Amino acid sequence: MDYVYLLVSLSVMLLIGAVCGILWAVKSDQFEDLEGPAERIIMDDRELQRKIHDR
């Protein structure tokens, strides 16, 4: 029975840590621009292909 108390307290602490992490990410604008980095990767690949073909 002691293990149940330990596991419940650990899971509650893990849940609190996850909620704090999500709140920190939202407050620090981690989710501000979700499409920009993905589009930049594609644009970088296209520019690299142009440089290779221009040689």
C-alpha atoms as a PDB file:
ATOM      1  CA  MET A   1       0.000   0.000   0.000  1.00  0.00           C
ATOM      2  CA  ASP A   2       2.952   2.306   0.583  1.00  0.00           C
ATOM      3  CA  TYR A   3       3.842   2.054  -3.091  1.00  0.00           C
ATOM      4  CA  VAL A   4       0.440   3.365  -4.096  1.00  0.00           C
ATOM      5  CA  TYR A   5       0.948   6.532  -2.056  1.00  0.00           C
ATOM      6  CA  LEU A   6       4.391   6.966  -3.584  1.00  0.00           C
ATOM      7  CA  LEU A   7       3.153   6.446  -7.145  1.00  0.00           C
ATOM      8  CA  VAL A   8       0.174   8.761  -6.709  1.00  0.00           C
ATOM      9  CA  SER A   9       2.342  11.529  -5.269  1.00  0.00           C
ATOM     10  CA  LEU A  10       4.915  11.103  -8.044  1.00  0.00           C
ATOM     11  CA  SER A  11       2.239  11.216 -10.734  1.00  0.00           C
ATOM     12  CA  VAL A  12       0.731  14.374  -9.227  1.00  0.00           C
ATOM     13  CA  MET A  13       4.171  16.007  -9.141  1.00  0.00           C
ATOM     14  CA  LEU A  14       4.751  14.985 -12.783  1.00  0.00           C
ATOM     15  CA  LEU A  15       1.377  16.431 -13.759  1.00  0.00           C
ATOM     16  CA  ILE A  16       2.169  19.718 -12.010  1.00  0.00           C
ATOM     17  CA  GLY A  17       5.540  19.840 -13.790  1.00  0.00           C
ATOM     18  CA  ALA A  18       3.920  19.235 -17.175  1.00  0.00           C
ATOM     19  CA  VAL A  19       1.311  21.944 -16.596  1.00  0.00           C
ATOM     20  CA  CYS A  20       4.017  24.398 -15.506  1.00  0.00           C
ATOM     21  CA  GLY A  21       6.032  23.559 -18.627  1.00  0.00           C
ATOM     22  CA  ILE A  22       3.071  24.134 -20.917  1.00  0.00           C
ATOM     23  CA  LEU A  23       2.211  27.419 -19.207  1.00  0.00           C
ATOM     24  CA  TRP A  24       5.832  28.578 -19.501  1.00  0.00           C
ATOM     25  CA  ALA A  25       5.881  27.703 -23.207  1.00  0.00           C
ATOM     26  CA  VAL A  26       2.675  29.624 -23.845  1.00  0.00           C
ATOM     27  CA  LYS A  27       3.804  32.674 -21.859  1.00  0.00           C
ATOM     28  CA  SER A  28       7.208  32.795 -23.583  1.00  0.00           C
ATOM     29  CA  ASP A  29       5.554  32.779 -27.049  1.00  0.00           C
ATOM     30  CA  GLN A  30       6.856  29.375 -28.100  1.00  0.00           C
ATOM     31  CA  PHE A  31       3.668  28.814 -30.117  1.00  0.00           C
ATOM     32  CA  GLU A  32       3.559  32.251 -31.743  1.00  0.00           C
ATOM     33  CA  ASP A  33       4.619  31.291 -35.279  1.00  0.00           C
ATOM     34  CA  LEU A  34       4.005  27.640 -36.085  1.00  0.00           C
ATOM     35  CA  GLU A  35       4.252  27.866 -39.884  1.00  0.00           C
ATOM     36  CA  GLY A  36       7.269  30.158 -40.275  1.00  0.00           C
ATOM     37  CA  PRO A  37      10.059  27.691 -39.418  1.00  0.00           C
ATOM     38  CA  ALA A  38       8.543  24.984 -41.623  1.00  0.00           C
ATOM     39  CA  GLU A  39       8.332  27.364 -44.574  1.00  0.00           C
ATOM     40  CA  ARG A  40      11.887  28.587 -43.990  1.00  0.00           C
ATOM     41  CA  ILE A  41      13.194  25.021 -44.244  1.00  0.00           C
ATOM     42  CA  ILE A  42      11.485  24.559 -47.611  1.00  0.00           C
ATOM     43  CA  MET A  43      12.731  27.917 -48.874  1.00  0.00           C
ATOM     44  CA  ASP A  44      16.294  27.081 -47.791  1.00  0.00           C
ATOM     45  CA  ASP A  45      16.111  23.809 -49.722  1.00  0.00           C
ATOM     46  CA  ARG A  46      14.867  25.563 -52.834  1.00  0.00           C
ATOM     47  CA  GLU A  47      17.618  28.188 -52.629  1.00  0.00           C
ATOM     48  CA  LEU A  48      20.217  25.440 -52.235  1.00  0.00           C
ATOM     49  CA  GLN A  49      18.854  23.627 -55.293  1.00  0.00           C
ATOM     50  CA  ARG A  50      19.023  26.859 -57.309  1.00  0.00           C
ATOM     51  CA  LYS A  51      22.660  27.385 -56.318  1.00  0.00           C
ATOM     52  CA  ILE A  52      23.538  23.842 -57.343  1.00  0.00           C
ATOM     53  CA  HIS A  53      21.792  24.128 -60.715  1.00  0.00           C
ATOM     54  CA  ASP A  54      23.276  27.572 -61.464  1.00  0.00           C
ATOM     55  CA  ARG A  55      26.840  26.216 -61.394  1.00  0.00           C
END
